[in-house]
Protein backbone atom coordinates (compact mmCIF):
# COMPACT_ATOMS: atom_id res chain seq x y z
CA MET A 1 17.32 -16.52 24.49
CA LEU A 2 20.40 -15.08 26.19
CA LEU A 3 22.66 -16.25 23.36
CA ALA A 4 20.34 -14.78 20.73
CA ALA A 5 20.34 -11.45 22.56
CA ALA A 6 24.11 -11.50 22.98
CA THR A 7 25.45 -12.23 19.49
CA LEU A 8 24.60 -12.44 15.80
CA TRP A 9 26.54 -15.71 15.62
CA TYR A 10 23.46 -17.42 17.08
CA GLU A 11 21.56 -16.63 13.88
CA TYR A 12 24.61 -17.62 11.82
CA TYR A 13 24.65 -21.07 13.40
CA TYR A 14 21.01 -21.85 12.62
CA ASP A 15 20.85 -20.23 9.18
CA VAL A 16 24.29 -21.12 7.75
CA ILE A 17 25.48 -24.21 9.63
CA LYS A 18 21.98 -25.68 10.10
CA ARG A 19 20.87 -24.42 6.64
CA GLY A 20 17.99 -22.03 7.19
CA ARG A 21 16.63 -23.33 10.48
CA TYR A 22 16.56 -20.05 12.42
CA THR A 23 12.89 -19.49 11.59
CA TRP A 24 12.00 -22.69 13.44
CA LYS A 25 14.32 -21.86 16.30
CA ILE A 26 12.55 -18.52 16.69
CA GLY A 27 9.30 -20.48 16.96
CA GLU A 28 10.84 -22.53 19.79
CA LEU A 29 11.94 -19.35 21.57
CA HIS A 30 8.38 -18.02 21.42
CA ALA A 31 6.98 -21.30 22.76
CA ARG A 32 9.34 -21.02 25.72
CA TYR A 33 9.47 -17.27 26.42
CA GLY A 34 6.22 -15.81 25.12
CA PRO A 35 4.90 -13.63 22.28
CA ILE A 36 7.79 -11.12 22.24
CA VAL A 37 11.40 -12.31 22.12
CA ARG A 38 14.78 -10.82 21.27
CA ILE A 39 16.31 -12.74 18.36
CA SER A 40 19.54 -10.73 18.08
CA PRO A 41 21.25 -7.95 20.04
CA TYR A 42 19.27 -5.47 17.95
CA GLU A 43 15.99 -7.07 16.81
CA LEU A 44 12.70 -8.04 18.45
CA HIS A 45 10.26 -10.60 17.07
CA ILE A 46 6.56 -11.10 17.82
CA ASP A 47 4.59 -14.26 17.10
CA ASP A 48 1.13 -13.28 18.32
CA PRO A 49 -0.87 -11.15 15.86
CA GLU A 50 -3.44 -10.29 18.53
CA TYR A 51 -0.93 -9.22 21.20
CA ALA A 52 -2.32 -5.97 22.58
CA LEU A 53 -0.20 -2.87 22.06
CA TYR A 54 -0.40 0.24 24.15
CA CYS A 55 -1.06 3.62 22.62
CA ARG A 56 1.03 6.68 23.29
CA CYS A 57 -1.23 7.86 26.10
CA ASN A 58 0.39 5.08 28.18
CA GLY A 59 -2.70 2.98 28.70
CA VAL A 60 -5.28 0.81 27.04
CA CYS A 61 -7.80 3.10 25.38
CA ALA A 62 -9.81 3.60 22.23
CA HIS A 63 -6.58 4.14 20.30
CA ALA A 64 -5.06 0.83 21.33
CA SER A 65 -4.02 -1.23 18.34
CA ARG A 66 -2.70 -4.70 17.67
CA TYR A 67 0.79 -5.66 16.67
CA TYR A 68 -0.27 -7.00 13.30
CA ASP A 69 -2.08 -3.82 12.28
CA GLU A 70 0.60 -1.59 13.76
CA LEU A 71 3.54 -3.09 11.90
CA TYR A 72 2.03 -3.51 8.44
CA VAL A 73 0.77 -0.06 7.59
CA GLY A 74 0.38 2.11 4.53
CA PRO A 75 2.39 5.27 3.82
CA SER A 76 -0.31 7.55 5.21
CA THR A 77 0.15 5.98 8.66
CA ARG A 78 3.92 5.70 9.01
CA ARG A 79 7.11 5.64 7.00
CA SER A 80 8.23 2.01 6.72
CA LEU A 81 11.99 1.70 7.04
CA LYS A 82 13.39 -1.74 6.25
CA TYR A 83 15.89 -3.09 8.75
CA GLU A 84 19.22 -3.06 6.91
CA TRP A 85 20.43 -6.33 8.43
CA SER A 86 17.33 -8.17 7.25
CA VAL A 87 18.06 -7.50 3.56
CA ARG A 88 21.84 -7.31 3.37
CA GLY A 89 22.05 -10.92 2.16
CA PHE A 90 20.55 -9.75 -1.14
CA GLY A 91 23.63 -7.65 -1.85
CA PRO A 92 23.48 -3.91 -2.54
CA THR A 93 20.08 -2.48 -1.63
CA ASN A 94 19.41 -1.24 -5.16
CA PHE A 95 16.25 -3.12 -6.04
CA THR A 96 12.76 -2.45 -4.75
CA PHE A 97 12.37 -5.32 -2.29
CA SER A 98 15.59 -4.59 -0.41
CA THR A 99 15.36 -0.78 -0.47
CA ILE A 100 15.69 0.57 3.07
CA SER A 101 14.53 4.16 2.63
CA HIS A 102 10.77 4.69 2.67
CA GLU A 103 10.91 7.48 0.08
CA LEU A 104 13.24 5.68 -2.33
CA HIS A 105 11.23 2.50 -2.03
CA ARG A 106 8.07 4.43 -2.83
CA SER A 107 9.68 5.85 -5.98
CA ARG A 108 11.00 2.47 -7.18
CA ARG A 109 7.78 0.68 -6.39
CA GLY A 110 5.80 3.34 -8.21
CA ALA A 111 7.80 2.72 -11.40
CA VAL A 112 7.19 -1.04 -11.38
CA ALA A 113 3.73 -1.28 -9.81
CA PRO A 114 1.68 -0.47 -12.95
CA PHE A 115 2.93 -3.67 -14.60
CA PHE A 116 1.35 -5.73 -11.83
CA SER A 117 -2.03 -4.04 -11.99
CA LYS A 118 -4.88 -6.36 -12.79
CA ALA A 119 -5.58 -4.56 -16.08
CA LEU A 120 -2.05 -4.93 -17.48
CA VAL A 121 -1.65 -8.50 -16.29
CA GLN A 122 -4.90 -9.42 -18.03
CA GLN A 123 -3.52 -7.97 -21.27
CA PHE A 124 -0.64 -10.43 -20.90
CA GLU A 125 -3.02 -13.37 -20.46
CA PRO A 126 -2.73 -14.63 -24.09
CA SER A 127 1.04 -15.05 -23.60
CA VAL A 128 0.42 -16.96 -20.38
CA GLN A 129 -2.08 -19.20 -22.18
CA THR A 130 0.49 -19.87 -24.91
CA MET A 131 3.09 -20.96 -22.34
CA ILE A 132 0.58 -23.21 -20.57
CA GLN A 133 -0.41 -24.84 -23.87
CA LYS A 134 3.24 -25.47 -24.60
CA LEU A 135 3.55 -27.27 -21.26
CA VAL A 136 0.35 -29.25 -21.82
CA SER A 137 1.59 -30.34 -25.25
CA ARG A 138 4.80 -31.68 -23.72
CA LEU A 139 2.87 -33.57 -21.06
CA ASP A 140 0.51 -35.03 -23.69
CA LYS A 141 3.50 -36.46 -25.55
CA LEU A 142 4.74 -38.09 -22.35
CA LYS A 143 1.37 -39.68 -21.58
CA ASN A 144 1.49 -43.49 -21.33
CA THR A 145 5.27 -43.56 -21.78
CA GLY A 146 6.06 -44.31 -18.14
CA THR A 147 8.13 -41.13 -17.90
CA ILE A 148 8.30 -39.57 -14.45
CA VAL A 149 7.90 -35.78 -14.42
CA ASN A 150 9.22 -33.95 -11.39
CA MET A 151 6.82 -31.07 -10.73
CA ILE A 152 9.51 -29.28 -8.73
CA ASP A 153 11.49 -29.01 -11.99
CA MET A 154 8.54 -28.61 -14.36
CA TYR A 155 6.75 -25.66 -12.78
CA PRO A 156 9.86 -23.42 -12.49
CA CYS A 157 10.28 -23.81 -16.27
CA LEU A 158 6.75 -22.56 -16.80
CA THR A 159 6.86 -19.68 -14.32
CA SER A 160 10.37 -18.56 -15.33
CA ASP A 161 9.47 -18.43 -19.01
CA ILE A 162 6.30 -16.47 -18.23
CA ILE A 163 7.94 -13.84 -16.03
CA CYS A 164 10.91 -13.44 -18.38
CA GLN A 165 8.59 -12.93 -21.33
CA TYR A 166 6.78 -10.24 -19.36
CA ALA A 167 9.93 -8.62 -18.03
CA PHE A 168 12.24 -8.73 -21.05
CA GLY A 169 10.10 -9.64 -24.06
CA ALA A 170 11.71 -13.07 -24.46
CA PRO A 171 11.53 -16.28 -22.38
CA TYR A 172 14.54 -18.34 -21.39
CA GLY A 173 13.12 -21.32 -23.27
CA TYR A 174 13.17 -23.68 -20.29
CA LEU A 175 9.91 -25.31 -21.37
CA GLU A 176 11.74 -26.76 -24.39
CA MET A 177 14.71 -28.09 -22.43
CA PRO A 178 15.19 -31.84 -21.80
CA GLU A 179 13.71 -33.15 -18.54
CA PHE A 180 12.47 -29.63 -17.76
CA ALA A 181 15.91 -28.19 -17.00
CA PRO A 182 16.43 -29.65 -13.50
CA LEU A 183 19.65 -27.69 -13.06
CA TRP A 184 17.72 -24.40 -13.27
CA HIS A 185 15.64 -25.11 -10.17
CA LYS A 186 18.71 -26.39 -8.34
CA ALA A 187 20.71 -23.28 -9.26
CA VAL A 188 18.07 -20.94 -7.88
CA MET A 189 17.63 -22.94 -4.68
CA ASP A 190 21.39 -23.07 -4.19
CA ALA A 191 21.52 -19.33 -4.77
CA SER A 192 18.90 -18.80 -2.06
CA GLU A 193 21.19 -20.47 0.46
CA GLY A 194 23.80 -17.88 -0.42
CA PHE A 195 21.51 -15.24 1.06
CA HIS A 196 22.20 -16.43 4.62
CA PHE A 197 25.94 -16.46 4.02
CA PHE A 198 26.17 -13.01 2.44
CA LYS A 199 23.96 -11.64 5.20
CA GLN A 200 26.75 -12.43 7.65
CA PHE A 201 29.61 -11.53 5.31
CA PRO A 202 28.37 -8.93 2.79
CA TRP A 203 31.91 -8.02 1.70
CA LEU A 204 32.48 -11.58 0.49
CA GLU A 205 30.41 -11.17 -2.68
CA THR A 206 32.71 -8.45 -4.02
CA THR A 207 35.76 -10.53 -3.14
CA LEU A 208 34.46 -13.70 -4.82
CA ARG A 209 33.51 -11.74 -7.93
CA LYS A 210 37.21 -11.05 -8.48
CA ILE A 211 38.05 -14.77 -8.53
CA PRO A 212 37.61 -16.78 -11.77
CA GLN A 213 34.19 -18.41 -11.74
CA PRO A 214 35.45 -21.99 -12.32
CA ILE A 215 37.42 -21.69 -9.08
CA VAL A 216 34.43 -20.24 -7.21
CA ARG A 217 32.22 -23.11 -8.42
CA LYS A 218 34.63 -25.61 -6.88
CA MET A 219 35.14 -23.64 -3.67
CA VAL A 220 31.54 -22.66 -2.88
CA PRO A 221 29.08 -24.05 -5.46
CA ASN A 222 26.04 -22.50 -3.78
CA LEU A 223 27.47 -18.99 -4.05
CA ALA A 224 28.55 -19.64 -7.63
CA SER A 225 24.90 -20.40 -8.45
CA LEU A 226 23.94 -16.99 -7.12
CA PHE A 227 26.47 -15.36 -9.44
CA LEU A 228 25.14 -17.42 -12.34
CA LEU A 229 21.60 -16.21 -11.68
CA THR A 230 22.59 -12.55 -11.49
CA ASP A 231 24.74 -12.82 -14.62
CA MET A 232 21.88 -14.38 -16.59
CA ILE A 233 19.57 -11.52 -15.61
CA ARG A 234 22.25 -8.96 -16.45
CA GLU A 235 22.50 -10.44 -19.97
CA LYS A 236 18.74 -10.00 -20.40
CA VAL A 237 18.90 -6.38 -19.22
CA ASP A 238 21.83 -5.68 -21.54
CA GLN A 239 19.86 -7.15 -24.45
CA VAL A 240 16.98 -4.77 -23.71
CA GLN A 241 19.44 -1.87 -23.97
CA VAL A 242 20.70 -3.21 -27.29
CA ASP A 243 17.12 -3.50 -28.56
CA LEU A 244 16.32 0.06 -27.56
CA ALA A 245 19.51 1.38 -29.15
CA GLY A 246 18.38 -0.27 -32.38
CA HIS A 247 14.84 1.15 -31.93
CA LYS A 248 13.40 -2.33 -31.45
CA LYS A 249 10.66 -3.29 -29.02
CA PRO A 250 8.58 -6.48 -28.76
CA ASP A 251 5.63 -6.32 -31.15
CA GLY A 252 2.27 -5.76 -29.53
CA GLN A 253 3.54 -6.19 -25.98
CA ARG A 254 4.68 -3.90 -23.22
CA THR A 255 7.55 -5.25 -21.15
CA ILE A 256 8.74 -4.16 -17.74
CA PHE A 257 12.32 -3.34 -18.63
CA HIS A 258 11.80 -1.76 -22.02
CA ASP A 259 9.45 0.67 -20.28
CA LEU A 260 11.72 1.27 -17.28
CA PHE A 261 14.66 2.23 -19.50
CA THR A 262 12.48 4.75 -21.36
CA ASP A 263 10.64 6.14 -18.31
CA ASP A 264 11.37 9.89 -18.27
CA HIS A 265 10.14 10.17 -14.68
CA LEU A 266 13.04 8.08 -13.34
CA ASN A 267 16.36 9.62 -12.44
CA PRO A 268 19.26 8.50 -14.68
CA GLU A 269 20.94 6.62 -11.81
CA GLU A 270 17.72 4.66 -11.29
CA LYS A 271 17.93 3.50 -14.92
CA SER A 272 21.52 2.28 -14.85
CA ALA A 273 22.06 -1.24 -16.17
CA GLU A 274 23.51 -2.32 -12.81
CA ARG A 275 20.48 -1.17 -10.82
CA LEU A 276 17.93 -2.55 -13.26
CA ALA A 277 19.81 -5.87 -13.35
CA ALA A 278 19.34 -6.05 -9.57
CA GLU A 279 15.67 -5.19 -10.07
CA GLY A 280 15.50 -8.00 -12.61
CA VAL A 281 16.86 -10.54 -10.14
CA GLY A 282 14.17 -9.52 -7.67
CA ILE A 283 11.34 -9.69 -10.18
CA VAL A 284 12.40 -12.98 -11.79
CA SER A 285 13.07 -14.67 -8.45
CA ALA A 286 9.77 -13.54 -6.93
CA GLY A 287 7.81 -14.32 -10.08
CA SER A 288 9.23 -17.76 -10.73
CA MET A 289 10.23 -19.95 -7.79
CA THR A 290 7.61 -18.80 -5.29
CA VAL A 291 4.82 -19.35 -7.81
CA ALA A 292 6.34 -22.65 -8.95
CA HIS A 293 6.57 -23.92 -5.37
CA THR A 294 2.94 -23.02 -4.75
CA LEU A 295 1.81 -24.82 -7.92
CA SER A 296 3.88 -27.89 -7.02
CA VAL A 297 2.43 -28.20 -3.52
CA ILE A 298 -1.14 -27.58 -4.68
CA SER A 299 -0.77 -30.15 -7.47
CA TYR A 300 0.52 -32.79 -5.07
CA HIS A 301 -2.31 -32.35 -2.59
CA ILE A 302 -4.99 -32.32 -5.27
CA ILE A 303 -3.67 -35.56 -6.77
CA ALA A 304 -3.19 -37.14 -3.33
CA ASN A 305 -6.75 -36.36 -2.25
CA PRO A 306 -9.32 -37.97 -4.62
CA LYS A 307 -12.24 -36.17 -2.93
CA ILE A 308 -10.65 -32.76 -3.48
CA LEU A 309 -9.71 -33.69 -7.05
CA ARG A 310 -13.23 -34.82 -7.89
CA LYS A 311 -14.88 -31.69 -6.46
CA LEU A 312 -12.44 -29.42 -8.30
CA GLN A 313 -13.01 -31.26 -11.58
CA GLU A 314 -16.77 -30.92 -11.19
CA GLU A 315 -16.53 -27.18 -10.60
CA LEU A 316 -14.23 -26.69 -13.59
CA ALA A 317 -16.34 -28.89 -15.89
CA ALA A 318 -19.36 -26.70 -15.22
CA ALA A 319 -17.42 -23.50 -15.94
CA LEU A 320 -15.20 -24.38 -18.93
CA PRO A 321 -16.36 -23.42 -22.42
CA ILE A 322 -18.22 -26.27 -24.15
CA ASP A 323 -16.34 -25.65 -27.41
CA GLY A 324 -13.04 -26.67 -25.79
CA SER A 325 -11.49 -23.20 -25.93
CA ASN A 326 -9.43 -21.85 -23.08
CA ALA A 327 -11.26 -20.37 -20.10
CA GLN A 328 -10.42 -16.76 -19.30
CA TRP A 329 -9.09 -15.89 -15.87
CA SER A 330 -11.94 -13.41 -15.38
CA LYS A 331 -14.20 -16.47 -15.40
CA LEU A 332 -11.97 -18.78 -13.39
CA GLU A 333 -11.43 -16.33 -10.55
CA GLN A 334 -15.16 -16.48 -9.84
CA LEU A 335 -14.96 -20.20 -8.95
CA PRO A 336 -14.89 -20.36 -5.13
CA TYR A 337 -13.49 -23.86 -4.73
CA LEU A 338 -10.70 -23.28 -7.27
CA VAL A 339 -9.71 -19.96 -5.72
CA SER A 340 -9.72 -21.46 -2.21
CA HIS A 341 -6.76 -23.65 -3.18
CA GLY A 342 -4.57 -20.61 -3.63
CA GLN A 343 -5.29 -19.37 -0.11
CA ILE A 344 -3.79 -22.29 1.76
CA ILE A 345 -0.20 -22.53 0.63
CA ASN A 346 2.39 -21.18 3.01
CA ILE A 347 5.19 -20.03 0.71
CA ALA A 348 7.06 -17.34 2.61
CA HIS A 349 9.62 -17.91 5.35
CA LEU A 350 11.07 -14.40 5.26
CA ARG A 351 11.00 -12.17 8.31
CA PHE A 352 9.55 -8.80 7.39
CA THR A 353 11.28 -6.47 9.84
CA PHE A 354 10.83 -2.71 10.12
CA VAL A 355 12.33 -0.04 12.34
CA SER A 356 9.48 1.08 14.55
CA ASN A 357 8.59 3.24 17.54
CA MET A 358 5.40 1.38 18.43
CA LEU A 359 4.93 0.69 22.13
CA LEU A 360 4.83 -2.97 23.11
CA GLY A 361 3.20 -2.71 26.51
CA ARG A 362 4.17 -1.95 30.08
CA SER A 363 6.06 -5.21 30.58
CA HIS A 364 8.36 -4.73 27.56
CA THR A 365 10.94 -1.96 27.34
CA ARG A 366 13.24 -1.22 24.41
CA ARG A 367 15.22 1.53 22.70
CA ALA A 368 13.54 3.86 20.23
CA GLN A 369 13.83 2.83 16.57
CA THR A 370 14.28 -0.84 17.46
CA PRO A 371 13.73 -3.24 14.53
CA VAL A 372 10.56 -5.28 15.12
CA GLY A 373 9.33 -8.07 12.89
CA MET A 374 7.28 -11.17 12.39
CA THR A 375 7.60 -14.30 10.25
CA SER A 376 4.72 -15.37 8.08
CA VAL A 377 5.27 -19.12 8.36
CA LEU A 378 4.96 -18.92 12.15
CA LEU A 379 1.77 -16.91 11.91
CA HIS A 380 0.29 -19.32 9.37
CA ASN A 381 1.04 -22.24 11.68
CA ASN A 382 -0.67 -20.60 14.65
CA THR A 383 -3.18 -23.25 15.75
CA ALA A 384 -5.33 -20.68 17.55
CA LEU A 385 -6.00 -19.03 14.20
CA PHE A 386 -5.76 -22.02 11.87
CA PRO A 387 -6.76 -25.38 13.40
CA GLU A 388 -4.65 -28.17 11.90
CA PRO A 389 -2.54 -25.70 9.87
CA GLN A 390 -0.57 -28.47 8.15
CA THR A 391 -3.74 -30.00 6.68
CA PHE A 392 -4.57 -29.15 3.07
CA ASP A 393 -8.18 -28.09 3.50
CA PRO A 394 -9.75 -25.80 0.86
CA GLU A 395 -13.04 -25.99 2.76
CA ARG A 396 -11.72 -23.80 5.56
CA TRP A 397 -11.87 -20.84 3.15
CA LEU A 398 -15.49 -21.47 2.28
CA GLN A 399 -16.82 -21.22 5.84
CA SER A 400 -18.81 -18.29 7.21
CA ASP A 401 -15.84 -16.95 9.18
CA SER A 402 -13.25 -17.31 6.40
CA ALA A 403 -13.09 -13.53 5.87
CA ARG A 404 -11.68 -13.21 9.39
CA LEU A 405 -8.98 -15.78 8.64
CA ARG A 406 -7.86 -14.02 5.45
CA LYS A 407 -6.69 -11.11 7.57
CA TYR A 408 -3.90 -13.34 8.85
CA ILE A 409 -2.62 -14.56 5.49
CA VAL A 410 0.56 -12.53 5.17
CA ALA A 411 2.65 -14.52 2.69
CA PHE A 412 2.65 -11.34 0.58
CA SER A 413 3.19 -9.02 3.57
CA LYS A 414 0.93 -6.00 4.10
CA GLY A 415 1.01 -2.23 3.94
CA SER A 416 3.35 -0.14 1.82
CA ARG A 417 5.81 -3.05 1.41
CA GLN A 418 3.19 -5.53 0.25
CA CYS A 419 4.19 -7.80 -2.65
CA LEU A 420 3.43 -6.25 -6.02
CA GLY A 421 2.48 -9.56 -7.61
CA MET A 422 -0.11 -10.80 -5.12
CA LYS A 423 -2.98 -10.26 -7.58
């Protein structure tokens, strides 16, 4: 742990050279040194959600809290300031997820949040059903042909087209592309590796932007993929501006970016094409690849476990309309076994780190305003909370004590920085 506390190059080695392995190294540090470790010269990390904290009266008392509840709080409890280092790999902090300031984040989140309310998402359900039927039709045509379909390519086409339809009023059309556009998934995954690099060298993005893209693609293909992704989103945002200038909006559908550009409550600088393009990258990335990964993993385990598949089919058969029409989500979300599948996928490896003054106990001293964080994948693999955490077991969420376990599912974070799309 001495190296981690001494230099940021320790993190660089595991995240850049070893390609994203620092999360697992942090887990090893906890196994060796305990629930609280220093993972950089500036940042502390905790891996025990039940580690007792001490209140400000310098002792254990009725006000004593727990780390988990202390860090992930709502705005009425504490201002949540993101740790700048933890988000600098995303580039300029001009989209909601990477916003450092509590007040600015609250304003940006407030502008986008209504689109992820249950009521508005349900209004979009017919469009989602249309996309799913398009996918099903393609799969029906491939039936009995011996064609292999890679779910890791297929699901990103579905989720990307859905979120782009909702965000910009037009999908990318990946569902129609040959072999389910395998280069799209690869481009986004390559771009995600660029996060670790730009986190260490944030000035490099501006420098590489000045070099012709064909040269960048040969020099650092992963970073070129990141530029490709941002440029594609910028084109969508620019098209929304063109539509609005021509007094055109998608018929019968509200979209995120048409509404943001015309929101009179936002300051002009918050509605610049550059800032909203960054917001678009955040929304499309969060609404496509994370969901696609979850669907891919769930699909594999259902198919690989005949008992689980049979029980799920029986529950669905009893609930689906007898006339063959599509089931509405309001009906499907009432099916306990189906819903339990969505609880068990560990999708997030991000550290959610906030600047905090919470007291860590008599045996741990630190400077005021020290960044403190946790990592969801480590919490979800805590065997004290989740026995056999690597086992796909929907039944664990149907037990009498499952409500207690749900408290520790933090793939969407908690508090004022909780993911907008978790519902």
